[in-house]
Amino acid sequence: MAPPELDLPLAETPASRFLAWLAGGLTYLAVLAAAAAAFAHGTLLRLAERPVLVTVALPAVEDPAEAERQLAAVRALVESFPGVAWTAPVAAEEVGRLLGPRVDRNEDAQPRQALPRLLDIRFLPGAEPDLGELLRRVRSLVPTALAEETSPELSTLEELARRVRWLGAAAAVGVFLLMLVAVSAITRTSLDLHEETVGLLRLLGAPDRYVARQFERFAAFAALSGGSTGFVLALSTLFALLYLAPRFGFHLLPVEPRPLDWVLIAAVPPAAALVVTLTARIAAAIGLRRLH
């Protein structure tokens, strides 16, 4: 990308030359921070869509026929509950194994007494069942029934994803604020170094908005050239972490990033370039008023 032709020799100023490196480095950090926030948010959304598993426990009934009738009635009732995907009775052998030593067994290792009946219920992904209402309906048939969610425990992963999301978002905002402060300082320094040239342009009739546009155009060039390099390096880092690291046994994400995550990441460099350009224009305009 060729630098713009300017009346001010901004490219010769050490502070201005540093602007492209600054834009590239901060864009790199902003992309990584935004990626962490976007991937964590996507992970939370995927985890929220996981199916809820519930187990209904019915008390033991000595009469096998009555036990089967009761279980069938409860199963039919549960399957009409909103959001239920399927139900499956737990085998008596599995119930006996779960109860373990609490079951009195005969010499053939068979239970001497009737066992409670368990009914596994799986809800559709994303459904948030009202377990209180479900239990109320079941107890209309079996007053002593119990119901408990048995979904895999994911609270630790969810909490980690929430923290990464907020930390990533805060880091991205911090990088943009640092970019704003740094560009303002560089622009003021360059303006002071070129004070004589600015005065000459004024004598030739150049308005302050024309001079400010010189800084704006140079900042836009520096932001686009440096930011594009930082963006490419950031993408390379992300692909290495997400797609190369698993080959060596390091799985950093429990789910695949969404297409929307990549769209948000791709929006960071243009946003950074816009911040750099506007900051340089405003800082130059304020500085020119100071030089009057």
Protein backbone atom coordinates (compact mmCIF):
# COMPACT_ATOMS: atom_id res chain seq x y z
CA MET A 1 0.00 0.00 0.00
CA ALA A 2 1.54 3.30 -1.13
CA PRO A 3 1.59 6.10 1.45
CA PRO A 4 -0.55 9.15 0.65
CA GLU A 5 1.06 12.26 -0.86
CA LEU A 6 0.98 14.91 1.85
CA ASP A 7 2.18 18.48 2.22
CA LEU A 8 3.48 17.64 5.70
CA PRO A 9 6.46 15.23 5.86
CA LEU A 10 4.77 13.12 8.52
CA ALA A 11 6.40 9.91 7.34
CA GLU A 12 9.79 11.37 8.28
CA THR A 13 8.79 11.94 11.90
CA PRO A 14 9.93 9.14 14.24
CA ALA A 15 6.71 9.38 16.23
CA SER A 16 4.59 9.13 13.09
CA ARG A 17 6.60 6.18 11.77
CA PHE A 18 5.91 4.44 15.05
CA LEU A 19 2.16 4.86 14.45
CA ALA A 20 1.96 1.93 12.01
CA TRP A 21 3.76 -0.38 14.43
CA LEU A 22 1.52 0.79 17.23
CA ALA A 23 -1.63 0.23 15.16
CA GLY A 24 -0.44 -3.26 14.19
CA GLY A 25 0.43 -4.30 17.74
CA LEU A 26 -2.75 -2.96 19.29
CA THR A 27 -4.89 -4.43 16.52
CA TYR A 28 -3.26 -7.80 17.17
CA LEU A 29 -4.11 -7.57 20.88
CA ALA A 30 -7.64 -6.28 20.20
CA VAL A 31 -8.38 -9.15 17.80
CA LEU A 32 -7.19 -11.75 20.32
CA ALA A 33 -9.20 -10.14 23.13
CA ALA A 34 -12.32 -9.90 20.96
CA ALA A 35 -11.84 -13.51 19.84
CA ALA A 36 -11.64 -14.68 23.45
CA ALA A 37 -14.86 -12.81 24.29
CA ALA A 38 -16.68 -14.01 21.15
CA PHE A 39 -15.62 -17.64 21.53
CA ALA A 40 -16.56 -17.65 25.22
CA HIS A 41 -19.96 -16.13 24.45
CA GLY A 42 -20.56 -18.70 21.73
CA THR A 43 -19.60 -21.46 24.15
CA LEU A 44 -22.13 -20.18 26.67
CA LEU A 45 -24.84 -20.14 24.01
CA ARG A 46 -24.04 -23.71 22.99
CA LEU A 47 -24.01 -24.88 26.60
CA ALA A 48 -27.37 -23.21 27.19
CA GLU A 49 -28.79 -25.33 24.35
CA ARG A 50 -27.69 -28.64 25.85
CA PRO A 51 -30.59 -31.00 26.56
CA VAL A 52 -31.81 -31.16 30.17
CA LEU A 53 -32.01 -34.64 31.69
CA VAL A 54 -34.48 -35.39 34.50
CA THR A 55 -35.09 -38.60 36.41
CA VAL A 56 -38.47 -39.34 38.02
CA ALA A 57 -38.43 -41.83 40.91
CA LEU A 58 -41.57 -43.79 41.76
CA PRO A 59 -41.85 -45.70 45.06
CA ALA A 60 -41.75 -49.49 45.10
CA VAL A 61 -45.02 -51.35 44.53
CA GLU A 62 -45.29 -55.01 45.51
CA ASP A 63 -47.77 -55.93 42.75
CA PRO A 64 -45.78 -56.11 39.47
CA ALA A 65 -48.87 -55.51 37.34
CA GLU A 66 -49.81 -52.41 39.36
CA ALA A 67 -46.21 -51.20 39.17
CA GLU A 68 -46.21 -51.51 35.37
CA ARG A 69 -49.59 -49.79 35.08
CA GLN A 70 -48.42 -46.94 37.30
CA LEU A 71 -45.18 -46.51 35.38
CA ALA A 72 -47.00 -46.53 32.03
CA ALA A 73 -49.46 -43.88 33.26
CA VAL A 74 -46.66 -41.63 34.53
CA ARG A 75 -44.71 -42.10 31.31
CA ALA A 76 -47.70 -41.15 29.18
CA LEU A 77 -48.27 -38.07 31.34
CA VAL A 78 -44.63 -37.00 31.16
CA GLU A 79 -44.46 -37.42 27.38
CA SER A 80 -47.25 -34.84 27.05
CA PHE A 81 -45.20 -32.30 29.03
CA PRO A 82 -43.90 -29.41 26.88
CA GLY A 83 -40.36 -29.84 25.61
CA VAL A 84 -39.98 -33.56 26.32
CA ALA A 85 -37.96 -35.31 23.60
CA TRP A 86 -38.15 -38.88 24.89
CA THR A 87 -38.56 -40.99 28.02
CA ALA A 88 -37.02 -44.33 28.98
CA PRO A 89 -37.60 -46.51 32.05
CA VAL A 90 -34.42 -47.52 33.86
CA ALA A 91 -33.93 -51.29 33.91
CA ALA A 92 -34.49 -53.03 37.26
CA GLU A 93 -30.92 -54.37 37.15
CA GLU A 94 -29.59 -50.82 36.86
CA VAL A 95 -31.79 -49.66 39.73
CA GLY A 96 -30.49 -52.51 41.89
CA ARG A 97 -26.92 -51.61 41.00
CA LEU A 98 -27.53 -47.97 41.92
CA LEU A 99 -29.02 -48.92 45.28
CA GLY A 100 -26.14 -51.31 45.97
CA PRO A 101 -25.89 -52.72 49.51
CA ARG A 102 -29.16 -51.12 50.55
CA VAL A 103 -31.04 -53.85 48.68
CA ASP A 104 -31.73 -57.08 50.56
CA ARG A 105 -30.85 -59.94 48.19
CA ASN A 106 -31.40 -63.71 48.31
CA GLU A 107 -28.82 -66.41 47.67
CA ASP A 108 -29.15 -65.90 43.90
CA ALA A 109 -28.33 -62.19 44.31
CA GLN A 110 -31.92 -61.25 43.39
CA PRO A 111 -33.70 -58.50 45.38
CA ARG A 112 -36.10 -59.84 48.00
CA GLN A 113 -38.31 -56.75 47.86
CA ALA A 114 -39.81 -54.62 45.12
CA LEU A 115 -37.53 -51.85 43.87
CA PRO A 116 -38.37 -48.22 43.10
CA ARG A 117 -38.97 -47.43 39.44
CA LEU A 118 -36.90 -44.76 37.67
CA LEU A 119 -37.94 -42.94 34.51
CA ASP A 120 -35.33 -40.98 32.56
CA ILE A 121 -36.61 -37.92 30.71
CA ARG A 122 -34.69 -35.96 28.08
CA PHE A 123 -35.88 -32.54 26.99
CA LEU A 124 -35.31 -30.87 23.65
CA PRO A 125 -32.06 -28.83 23.31
CA GLY A 126 -32.55 -25.33 24.67
CA ALA A 127 -35.75 -26.19 26.55
CA GLU A 128 -35.94 -24.96 30.14
CA PRO A 129 -38.47 -27.25 31.84
CA ASP A 130 -40.46 -26.24 34.89
CA LEU A 131 -39.48 -29.10 37.19
CA GLY A 132 -41.94 -27.95 39.85
CA GLU A 133 -44.85 -28.20 37.43
CA LEU A 134 -43.56 -31.54 36.14
CA LEU A 135 -43.40 -32.94 39.67
CA ARG A 136 -46.85 -31.56 40.47
CA ARG A 137 -48.34 -33.39 37.50
CA VAL A 138 -46.55 -36.64 38.32
CA ARG A 139 -47.69 -36.46 41.94
CA SER A 140 -51.27 -36.16 40.76
CA LEU A 141 -50.83 -39.84 39.83
CA VAL A 142 -48.20 -40.90 42.38
CA PRO A 143 -48.22 -38.61 45.45
CA THR A 144 -44.82 -39.77 46.76
CA ALA A 145 -42.93 -39.50 43.45
CA LEU A 146 -39.68 -37.52 43.23
CA ALA A 147 -38.03 -35.69 40.32
CA GLU A 148 -34.45 -34.46 40.02
CA GLU A 149 -32.37 -33.00 37.21
CA THR A 150 -29.53 -35.35 36.29
CA SER A 151 -27.87 -33.34 33.51
CA PRO A 152 -24.05 -33.52 33.42
CA GLU A 153 -22.48 -30.91 35.71
CA LEU A 154 -21.19 -28.02 33.60
CA SER A 155 -21.18 -25.20 36.13
CA THR A 156 -17.37 -24.99 36.21
CA LEU A 157 -17.13 -24.71 32.44
CA GLU A 158 -19.94 -22.15 32.31
CA GLU A 159 -18.33 -20.02 35.01
CA LEU A 160 -14.99 -20.14 33.20
CA ALA A 161 -16.64 -19.12 29.93
CA ARG A 162 -18.39 -16.20 31.62
CA ARG A 163 -15.14 -14.95 33.11
CA VAL A 164 -13.28 -15.26 29.82
CA ARG A 165 -16.08 -13.41 28.04
CA TRP A 166 -15.97 -10.42 30.39
CA LEU A 167 -12.18 -10.38 30.60
CA GLY A 168 -11.90 -10.52 26.81
CA ALA A 169 -14.43 -7.73 26.34
CA ALA A 170 -12.73 -5.59 28.99
CA ALA A 171 -9.32 -6.20 27.41
CA ALA A 172 -10.62 -5.23 23.96
CA VAL A 173 -12.10 -2.00 25.34
CA GLY A 174 -8.84 -1.31 27.18
CA VAL A 175 -6.83 -1.79 23.98
CA PHE A 176 -9.05 0.66 22.13
CA LEU A 177 -8.70 3.21 24.92
CA LEU A 178 -4.93 2.77 24.86
CA MET A 179 -5.03 3.23 21.10
CA LEU A 180 -6.96 6.48 21.51
CA VAL A 181 -4.51 7.87 24.06
CA ALA A 182 -1.42 6.81 22.12
CA VAL A 183 -2.64 8.21 18.79
CA SER A 184 -3.53 11.50 20.46
CA ALA A 185 -0.04 11.76 21.96
CA ILE A 186 1.68 10.87 18.68
CA THR A 187 -0.43 13.38 16.75
CA ARG A 188 0.33 16.18 19.21
CA THR A 189 4.04 15.35 19.09
CA SER A 190 4.07 15.33 15.28
CA LEU A 191 2.18 18.60 15.20
CA ASP A 192 4.73 20.25 17.49
CA LEU A 193 7.62 18.93 15.39
CA HIS A 194 6.06 20.34 12.21
CA GLU A 195 4.92 23.63 13.71
CA GLU A 196 6.95 25.69 11.25
CA THR A 197 5.59 23.79 8.24
CA VAL A 198 2.07 24.17 9.58
CA GLY A 199 2.64 27.90 9.94
CA LEU A 200 3.86 28.07 6.35
CA LEU A 201 0.76 26.25 5.11
CA ARG A 202 -1.39 28.72 6.99
CA LEU A 203 0.45 31.64 5.37
CA LEU A 204 -0.29 30.07 2.01
CA GLY A 205 -4.00 30.10 2.89
CA ALA A 206 -4.51 26.51 3.97
CA PRO A 207 -7.37 26.29 6.49
CA ASP A 208 -6.95 24.27 9.69
CA ARG A 209 -9.32 21.57 8.44
CA TYR A 210 -6.96 21.01 5.49
CA VAL A 211 -3.98 20.63 7.84
CA ALA A 212 -5.96 18.33 10.14
CA ARG A 213 -6.86 16.22 7.13
CA GLN A 214 -3.14 15.66 6.53
CA PHE A 215 -2.85 13.96 9.90
CA GLU A 216 -6.09 12.11 9.30
CA ARG A 217 -4.95 10.67 5.95
CA PHE A 218 -1.57 9.63 7.32
CA ALA A 219 -3.18 8.02 10.38
CA ALA A 220 -5.63 6.14 8.16
CA PHE A 221 -2.77 4.81 6.05
CA ALA A 222 -0.79 3.78 9.13
CA ALA A 223 -3.82 2.13 10.72
CA LEU A 224 -4.72 0.17 7.59
CA SER A 225 -1.18 -0.95 6.79
CA GLY A 226 -0.18 -1.77 10.36
CA GLY A 227 -3.63 -3.04 11.32
CA SER A 228 -3.79 -5.46 8.38
CA THR A 229 -0.45 -6.93 9.42
CA GLY A 230 -1.62 -7.25 13.02
CA PHE A 231 -4.86 -8.85 11.86
CA VAL A 232 -3.05 -11.46 9.77
CA LEU A 233 -0.76 -12.30 12.69
CA ALA A 234 -3.74 -12.52 15.04
CA LEU A 235 -5.59 -14.85 12.67
CA SER A 236 -2.49 -17.01 12.38
CA THR A 237 -2.31 -17.19 16.17
CA LEU A 238 -5.98 -18.13 16.47
CA PHE A 239 -5.79 -20.83 13.84
CA ALA A 240 -2.69 -22.26 15.51
CA LEU A 241 -4.42 -22.32 18.90
CA LEU A 242 -7.74 -23.66 17.65
CA TYR A 243 -6.78 -26.08 14.89
CA LEU A 244 -3.13 -27.01 15.37
CA ALA A 245 -3.05 -27.28 19.17
CA PRO A 246 -5.68 -30.12 19.24
CA ARG A 247 -3.29 -32.26 17.18
CA PHE A 248 -0.92 -32.14 20.13
CA GLY A 249 -3.63 -32.87 22.69
CA PHE A 250 -4.53 -29.29 23.65
CA HIS A 251 -8.28 -28.65 23.23
CA LEU A 252 -8.94 -25.01 24.06
CA LEU A 253 -12.64 -24.87 23.16
CA PRO A 254 -15.36 -27.43 23.98
CA VAL A 255 -17.33 -26.33 20.87
CA GLU A 256 -16.47 -25.06 17.41
CA PRO A 257 -16.51 -21.25 16.92
CA ARG A 258 -19.62 -19.95 15.19
CA PRO A 259 -19.48 -18.11 11.81
CA LEU A 260 -20.76 -15.04 13.66
CA ASP A 261 -17.68 -15.17 15.90
CA TRP A 262 -15.41 -14.80 12.87
CA VAL A 263 -17.54 -11.95 11.55
CA LEU A 264 -17.15 -10.08 14.85
CA ILE A 265 -13.40 -10.72 14.82
CA ALA A 266 -13.12 -9.44 11.26
CA ALA A 267 -14.85 -6.22 12.33
CA VAL A 268 -12.06 -5.35 14.77
CA PRO A 269 -9.44 -4.03 12.26
CA PRO A 270 -11.88 -1.64 10.51
CA ALA A 271 -13.04 -0.42 13.92
CA ALA A 272 -9.43 0.09 15.01
CA ALA A 273 -8.62 1.98 11.81
CA LEU A 274 -11.67 4.19 12.32
CA VAL A 275 -10.65 4.95 15.92
CA VAL A 276 -7.10 5.81 14.87
CA THR A 277 -8.26 8.01 12.00
CA LEU A 278 -10.87 9.96 13.95
CA THR A 279 -8.58 10.33 16.96
CA ALA A 280 -5.81 11.75 14.79
CA ARG A 281 -8.23 14.17 13.12
CA ILE A 282 -9.66 15.40 16.44
CA ALA A 283 -6.26 15.61 18.14
CA ALA A 284 -4.86 17.58 15.19
CA ALA A 285 -7.83 19.97 15.21
CA ILE A 286 -7.41 20.61 18.94
CA GLY A 287 -3.67 21.05 18.56
CA LEU A 288 -4.07 23.52 15.71
CA ARG A 289 -6.32 25.68 17.85
CA ARG A 290 -3.60 25.60 20.49
CA LEU A 291 -1.02 26.84 17.96
CA HIS A 292 -2.97 29.99 17.10
